Amino acid sequence: MLIIGFYSKSFLNLFIIYLILNCIKTISFYFFSSKIKNIFCLIKKVDIKYIRNIFNKSFPYYFIQINEIIKTSFIILIIGIYFDFKTVAFVSTIRTMFYFFPRKFFDIISELLQFEYIKLFTSRELEKLKKLYLRQNLLIVSLSIIYLIICYLIGLKIYDLWTNNEFTYEVKLFYFLIFDCFFFLISNSIISFLKSINKFFSISIYTLISQVILITSMYIAFLNGKDYEIFFIISFILSFVVFSISIIYFKKSLDFMRSK
């Protein structure tokens, strides 16, 4: 969708393309799932205790999903209530390019390695696990710094080209946003091992609380006539706080590897 935006300036065209892509995805899912003939369910064999156990262990993932819903949709909804369409479009587009797009790229690295983490952990290859974990975090930090440098050098030029110079904005908001993303990328990498073994309940609570604080602060600030710029500032501060907390989990991850 980001690439398509360079060639089409119409939101209607983007919506239609997005709708078509989702229809293709749905049809493909139905087609491939219909090939599986041996899926069946026996109600009598359903173990309620086992399901309850899985449900309880899945709470951190539920919190992460709620956190993502707040980040992607709820924040835009609040901004849309208090500001005009152009402001909403600006916040949406600049976050798409400099926050969500790099996150998708970095998530590929972290999520793929989680499978390797659990494999090494269950086989008790702890030295290899530790080396892989340290290398991953070094790679993510290095790539995050490169991301900051690229954004500083050509980020706004690419954004203005993509949006056809439609928006006027304070450059400081751009820097708040990219450093917000920078701290998120590193903290997300730090907790990747704990996510792979489902030991990240407390950090998932912290991230959810940070988003609740963000939307509450935004609501109070907008209610008192503050500009939308306050969102970028508060989001950056909270991202730094979560990053600072995640440093503790970096040590915890290494200790966990040694203790096992």
Protein backbone atom coordinates (compact mmCIF):
# COMPACT_ATOMS: atom_id res chain seq x y z
CA MET A 1 0.00 0.00 0.00
CA LEU A 2 2.91 2.32 0.75
CA ILE A 3 4.36 1.83 -2.75
CA ILE A 4 0.94 2.24 -4.39
CA GLY A 5 0.69 5.61 -2.65
CA PHE A 6 3.54 6.93 -4.81
CA TYR A 7 1.47 6.30 -7.96
CA SER A 8 -2.02 7.21 -6.79
CA LYS A 9 -3.04 10.30 -4.82
CA SER A 10 -6.67 9.23 -4.49
CA PHE A 11 -7.76 7.81 -1.14
CA LEU A 12 -10.66 6.12 -2.96
CA ASN A 13 -8.25 4.22 -5.22
CA LEU A 14 -6.18 3.15 -2.21
CA PHE A 15 -9.32 1.95 -0.44
CA ILE A 16 -10.45 -0.05 -3.49
CA ILE A 17 -7.01 -1.68 -3.86
CA TYR A 18 -6.93 -2.46 -0.14
CA LEU A 19 -10.39 -4.03 -0.40
CA ILE A 20 -9.37 -6.12 -3.44
CA LEU A 21 -6.22 -7.39 -1.71
CA ASN A 22 -8.21 -8.42 1.36
CA CYS A 23 -10.77 -10.22 -0.84
CA ILE A 24 -7.95 -12.10 -2.56
CA LYS A 25 -6.53 -13.07 0.82
CA THR A 26 -9.92 -14.31 2.03
CA ILE A 27 -10.58 -16.31 -1.15
CA SER A 28 -7.08 -17.82 -1.01
CA PHE A 29 -7.60 -18.85 2.60
CA TYR A 30 -10.93 -20.46 1.75
CA PHE A 31 -9.44 -22.25 -1.28
CA PHE A 32 -6.51 -23.77 0.60
CA SER A 33 -8.54 -24.64 3.70
CA SER A 34 -11.10 -26.43 1.54
CA LYS A 35 -8.33 -28.80 0.43
CA ILE A 36 -8.04 -30.16 3.96
CA LYS A 37 -10.58 -32.98 4.26
CA ASN A 38 -9.67 -34.57 7.56
CA ILE A 39 -10.50 -31.74 9.97
CA PHE A 40 -13.24 -32.67 12.42
CA CYS A 41 -14.20 -31.96 16.01
CA LEU A 42 -15.53 -34.26 18.67
CA ILE A 43 -17.28 -32.23 21.40
CA LYS A 44 -16.93 -35.08 23.90
CA LYS A 45 -13.16 -34.97 23.60
CA VAL A 46 -12.89 -31.27 24.29
CA ASP A 47 -10.96 -30.74 27.54
CA ILE A 48 -12.32 -27.61 29.23
CA LYS A 49 -9.45 -27.49 31.75
CA TYR A 50 -6.91 -27.63 28.94
CA ILE A 51 -8.70 -24.86 27.05
CA ARG A 52 -8.84 -22.75 30.23
CA ASN A 53 -5.12 -23.27 30.74
CA ILE A 54 -4.36 -22.17 27.19
CA PHE A 55 -6.65 -19.17 27.61
CA ASN A 56 -4.86 -18.08 30.80
CA LYS A 57 -1.44 -18.48 29.22
CA SER A 58 -2.57 -16.41 26.25
CA PHE A 59 -3.32 -13.27 28.27
CA PRO A 60 -0.03 -11.52 27.34
CA TYR A 61 -0.90 -11.96 23.66
CA TYR A 62 -4.37 -10.53 24.27
CA PHE A 63 -2.79 -7.49 25.91
CA ILE A 64 -0.44 -7.08 22.94
CA GLN A 65 -3.40 -7.22 20.54
CA ILE A 66 -5.31 -4.62 22.57
CA ASN A 67 -2.19 -2.51 22.60
CA GLU A 68 -1.98 -2.71 18.78
CA ILE A 69 -5.66 -1.82 18.36
CA ILE A 70 -5.13 1.29 20.47
CA LYS A 71 -2.02 2.24 18.48
CA THR A 72 -3.49 1.70 15.03
CA SER A 73 -7.13 2.70 15.38
CA PHE A 74 -8.13 4.23 18.70
CA ILE A 75 -5.54 6.99 18.60
CA ILE A 76 -6.65 8.04 15.11
CA LEU A 77 -10.27 7.96 16.30
CA ILE A 78 -9.52 10.38 19.15
CA ILE A 79 -7.58 12.73 16.87
CA GLY A 80 -10.47 12.57 14.37
CA ILE A 81 -12.93 13.67 17.05
CA TYR A 82 -11.02 16.87 17.85
CA PHE A 83 -9.29 17.77 14.56
CA ASP A 84 -10.07 17.98 10.86
CA PHE A 85 -9.56 15.36 8.16
CA LYS A 86 -6.24 16.84 6.99
CA THR A 87 -4.75 16.46 10.48
CA VAL A 88 -5.98 12.86 10.64
CA ALA A 89 -4.49 12.18 7.20
CA PHE A 90 -1.15 13.70 8.23
CA VAL A 91 -0.89 11.71 11.46
CA SER A 92 -1.93 8.50 9.66
CA THR A 93 0.48 8.86 6.73
CA ILE A 94 3.55 9.93 8.69
CA ARG A 95 3.04 7.13 11.23
CA THR A 96 2.54 4.61 8.41
CA MET A 97 5.83 5.55 6.75
CA PHE A 98 8.08 6.12 9.77
CA TYR A 99 6.52 3.93 12.47
CA PHE A 100 4.44 1.02 11.17
CA PHE A 101 6.40 0.33 7.98
CA PRO A 102 9.83 -0.08 9.70
CA ARG A 103 8.13 -2.09 12.46
CA LYS A 104 6.88 -4.62 9.91
CA PHE A 105 10.40 -5.08 8.58
CA PHE A 106 11.98 -5.49 12.02
CA ASP A 107 9.19 -7.79 13.19
CA ILE A 108 10.16 -10.27 10.48
CA ILE A 109 13.59 -10.67 12.09
CA SER A 110 12.30 -10.98 15.64
CA GLU A 111 9.42 -13.32 14.86
CA LEU A 112 11.48 -15.68 12.72
CA LEU A 113 14.12 -15.98 15.42
CA GLN A 114 11.51 -16.80 18.06
CA PHE A 115 11.12 -20.24 16.49
CA GLU A 116 14.87 -20.77 16.75
CA TYR A 117 14.82 -19.58 20.36
CA ILE A 118 12.24 -22.12 21.44
CA LYS A 119 14.06 -24.87 19.54
CA LEU A 120 17.38 -24.11 21.27
CA PHE A 121 15.68 -23.63 24.62
CA THR A 122 13.86 -26.98 24.56
CA SER A 123 17.02 -28.78 23.42
CA ARG A 124 19.00 -27.03 26.20
CA GLU A 125 21.54 -25.54 23.80
CA LEU A 126 21.78 -22.51 26.05
CA GLU A 127 25.15 -21.21 24.92
CA LYS A 128 23.97 -21.07 21.31
CA LEU A 129 20.73 -19.51 22.49
CA LYS A 130 22.56 -16.77 24.37
CA LYS A 131 24.84 -16.00 21.41
CA LEU A 132 21.89 -15.83 19.03
CA TYR A 133 19.97 -13.56 21.39
CA LEU A 134 22.91 -11.17 21.79
CA ARG A 135 23.55 -11.12 18.04
CA GLN A 136 19.91 -10.41 17.32
CA ASN A 137 19.84 -7.44 19.67
CA LEU A 138 23.13 -6.13 18.30
CA LEU A 139 21.71 -6.41 14.77
CA ILE A 140 18.46 -4.67 15.72
CA VAL A 141 20.30 -1.83 17.47
CA SER A 142 22.61 -1.40 14.46
CA LEU A 143 19.74 -1.42 11.97
CA SER A 144 17.74 0.97 14.17
CA ILE A 145 20.62 3.44 14.16
CA ILE A 146 20.86 3.11 10.36
CA TYR A 147 17.11 3.73 10.23
CA LEU A 148 17.56 6.98 12.21
CA ILE A 149 20.37 8.13 9.93
CA ILE A 150 18.39 7.42 6.75
CA CYS A 151 15.35 9.21 8.18
CA TYR A 152 17.49 12.21 9.13
CA LEU A 153 19.08 12.42 5.68
CA ILE A 154 16.17 11.73 3.31
CA GLY A 155 13.12 10.81 5.41
CA LEU A 156 11.15 14.03 5.04
CA LYS A 157 12.04 14.34 1.34
CA ILE A 158 10.56 10.90 0.68
CA TYR A 159 7.50 11.71 2.79
CA ASP A 160 6.86 15.01 0.97
CA LEU A 161 7.26 13.21 -2.36
CA TRP A 162 4.84 10.47 -1.28
CA THR A 163 2.21 12.98 -0.08
CA ASN A 164 2.85 15.43 -2.93
CA ASN A 165 3.72 18.18 -0.39
CA GLU A 166 0.15 18.19 0.89
CA PHE A 167 1.02 18.84 4.54
CA THR A 168 2.74 21.54 6.54
CA TYR A 169 4.14 20.37 9.86
CA GLU A 170 6.71 20.99 12.56
CA VAL A 171 9.92 19.06 11.85
CA LYS A 172 10.26 18.31 15.57
CA LEU A 173 7.20 16.03 15.34
CA PHE A 174 9.09 13.92 12.81
CA TYR A 175 12.01 13.50 15.23
CA PHE A 176 9.71 12.61 18.13
CA LEU A 177 8.14 9.96 15.89
CA ILE A 178 11.33 8.31 14.61
CA PHE A 179 12.84 8.15 18.11
CA ASP A 180 9.53 6.74 19.36
CA CYS A 181 9.92 4.00 16.75
CA PHE A 182 13.63 3.57 17.57
CA PHE A 183 12.94 2.82 21.24
CA PHE A 184 10.06 0.53 20.36
CA LEU A 185 12.18 -1.53 17.93
CA ILE A 186 14.90 -2.13 20.50
CA SER A 187 12.54 -2.91 23.39
CA ASN A 188 10.57 -5.30 21.17
CA SER A 189 13.81 -7.09 20.26
CA ILE A 190 14.83 -7.35 23.90
CA ILE A 191 11.64 -9.16 24.93
CA SER A 192 11.60 -11.46 21.87
CA PHE A 193 13.15 -14.39 23.75
CA LEU A 194 10.68 -14.08 26.64
CA LYS A 195 7.84 -13.92 24.10
CA SER A 196 9.06 -17.16 22.52
CA ILE A 197 8.72 -19.00 25.85
CA ASN A 198 5.62 -17.06 26.94
CA LYS A 199 7.25 -15.34 29.91
CA PHE A 200 6.39 -11.75 29.10
CA PHE A 201 3.18 -11.18 31.09
CA SER A 202 4.51 -8.26 33.13
CA ILE A 203 6.05 -6.38 30.19
CA SER A 204 2.80 -6.82 28.23
CA ILE A 205 1.00 -5.16 31.16
CA TYR A 206 3.48 -2.25 31.12
CA THR A 207 3.01 -1.68 27.38
CA LEU A 208 -0.78 -1.78 27.72
CA ILE A 209 -0.68 0.65 30.65
CA SER A 210 1.50 3.00 28.59
CA GLN A 211 -1.13 3.05 25.83
CA VAL A 212 -3.93 3.68 28.33
CA ILE A 213 -1.92 6.58 29.76
CA LEU A 214 -1.35 7.86 26.21
CA ILE A 215 -5.02 7.93 25.18
CA THR A 216 -6.08 9.33 28.58
CA SER A 217 -3.47 12.10 28.35
CA MET A 218 -4.50 12.84 24.76
CA TYR A 219 -8.16 13.08 25.73
CA ILE A 220 -7.45 15.45 28.63
CA ALA A 221 -5.04 17.56 26.55
CA PHE A 222 -7.40 17.87 23.58
CA LEU A 223 -10.30 18.62 25.90
CA ASN A 224 -8.27 21.55 27.23
CA GLY A 225 -7.50 22.90 23.77
CA LYS A 226 -4.01 21.49 23.25
CA ASP A 227 -2.75 20.87 19.72
CA TYR A 228 -2.36 17.38 18.20
CA GLU A 229 1.43 17.77 18.55
CA ILE A 230 1.08 16.68 22.19
CA PHE A 231 0.38 13.14 20.96
CA PHE A 232 3.85 12.80 19.41
CA ILE A 233 5.54 14.12 22.57
CA ILE A 234 3.64 11.89 25.02
CA SER A 235 4.05 8.84 22.79
CA PHE A 236 7.81 9.42 22.59
CA ILE A 237 8.12 9.79 26.38
CA LEU A 238 6.12 6.61 27.07
CA SER A 239 8.09 4.68 24.46
CA PHE A 240 11.30 5.70 26.21
CA VAL A 241 9.86 4.62 29.58
CA VAL A 242 8.91 1.17 28.20
CA PHE A 243 12.36 0.91 26.61
CA SER A 244 13.97 1.71 29.99
CA ILE A 245 11.87 -1.00 31.65
CA SER A 246 12.80 -3.49 28.91
CA ILE A 247 16.49 -3.09 29.81
CA ILE A 248 15.67 -4.96 33.02
CA TYR A 249 14.21 -7.75 30.91
CA PHE A 250 17.38 -7.95 28.87
CA LYS A 251 19.27 -8.96 32.01
CA LYS A 252 16.36 -11.19 33.04
CA SER A 253 16.53 -13.00 29.70
CA LEU A 254 20.24 -13.67 30.06
CA ASP A 255 19.79 -14.84 33.66
CA PHE A 256 16.97 -17.12 32.55
CA MET A 257 19.23 -18.72 29.96
CA ARG A 258 21.95 -19.32 32.53
CA SER A 259 19.60 -20.68 35.18
CA LYS A 260 18.19 -23.34 32.86
